[in-house]
Amino acid sequence: MTTEEELVKHLDQVNTVVSEYLKGNDPTQISKDLAIPRQRVAAYIDEWKTMASDNAAIRARAETYRDWE
């Protein structure tokens, strides 16, 4: 697998975790639902928060997503 493919896979997984997080699920529940270790779920959420804090478009999307649910 190329580095680019690995990056895409990683970001897809981060997106899946964050989608559940924005629905109001906590890391423990996300971990159980997606069969991902809780520590990794927490790391993905932290990574997303860091990315979102530096990007107004990501924050706006998250706010829209929360309003849409």
Protein backbone atom coordinates (compact mmCIF):
# COMPACT_ATOMS: atom_id res chain seq x y z
CA MET A 1 0.00 0.00 0.00
CA THR A 2 1.39 3.41 -0.91
CA THR A 3 1.77 6.25 1.51
CA GLU A 4 -1.06 8.09 -0.20
CA GLU A 5 -3.38 5.08 0.13
CA GLU A 6 -2.46 4.75 3.80
CA LEU A 7 -3.22 8.43 4.36
CA VAL A 8 -6.61 8.12 2.66
CA LYS A 9 -7.45 5.04 4.75
CA HIS A 10 -6.39 6.84 7.94
CA LEU A 11 -8.44 9.93 7.14
CA ASP A 12 -11.46 7.77 6.27
CA GLN A 13 -11.22 6.12 9.66
CA VAL A 14 -10.83 9.49 11.41
CA ASN A 15 -13.92 10.72 9.52
CA THR A 16 -15.93 7.65 10.53
CA VAL A 17 -14.99 8.08 14.20
CA VAL A 18 -15.68 11.81 14.19
CA SER A 19 -19.05 11.30 12.50
CA GLU A 20 -20.06 9.10 15.43
CA TYR A 21 -18.57 11.58 17.90
CA LEU A 22 -20.59 14.43 16.40
CA LYS A 23 -23.74 12.32 16.78
CA GLY A 24 -23.08 12.44 20.53
CA ASN A 25 -21.50 9.03 21.03
CA ASP A 26 -18.66 8.84 23.54
CA PRO A 27 -15.29 7.23 22.73
CA THR A 28 -16.15 4.04 24.60
CA GLN A 29 -19.34 3.51 22.60
CA ILE A 30 -17.61 4.39 19.33
CA SER A 31 -14.88 1.89 20.16
CA LYS A 32 -17.43 -0.87 20.71
CA ASP A 33 -19.52 0.00 17.65
CA LEU A 34 -16.58 0.24 15.25
CA ALA A 35 -14.35 -2.43 16.83
CA ILE A 36 -11.47 0.03 17.19
CA PRO A 37 -9.42 0.26 20.41
CA ARG A 38 -10.66 3.09 22.64
CA GLN A 39 -7.21 4.69 22.77
CA ARG A 40 -7.15 4.92 18.98
CA VAL A 41 -10.67 6.40 18.95
CA ALA A 42 -9.57 9.05 21.45
CA ALA A 43 -6.45 9.78 19.38
CA TYR A 44 -8.54 10.19 16.22
CA ILE A 45 -10.88 12.61 18.00
CA ASP A 46 -7.92 14.59 19.35
CA GLU A 47 -6.35 14.65 15.88
CA TRP A 48 -9.60 15.92 14.39
CA LYS A 49 -9.94 18.61 17.08
CA THR A 50 -6.44 19.81 16.25
CA MET A 51 -7.22 19.91 12.53
CA ALA A 52 -10.56 21.62 13.17
CA SER A 53 -9.06 24.29 15.42
CA ASP A 54 -6.85 25.37 12.52
CA ASN A 55 -9.54 25.24 9.85
CA ALA A 56 -12.71 27.33 9.76
CA ALA A 57 -14.25 25.13 7.02
CA ILE A 58 -13.97 22.01 9.20
CA ARG A 59 -15.53 23.82 12.17
CA ALA A 60 -18.38 25.08 9.99
CA ARG A 61 -19.00 21.58 8.62
CA ALA A 62 -19.10 20.14 12.14
CA GLU A 63 -21.56 22.80 13.28
CA THR A 64 -23.76 22.18 10.23
CA TYR A 65 -23.61 18.42 10.85
CA ARG A 66 -24.71 18.86 14.47
CA ASP A 67 -27.59 21.12 13.40
CA TRP A 68 -28.61 18.66 10.70
CA GLU A 69 -28.84 15.71 13.09
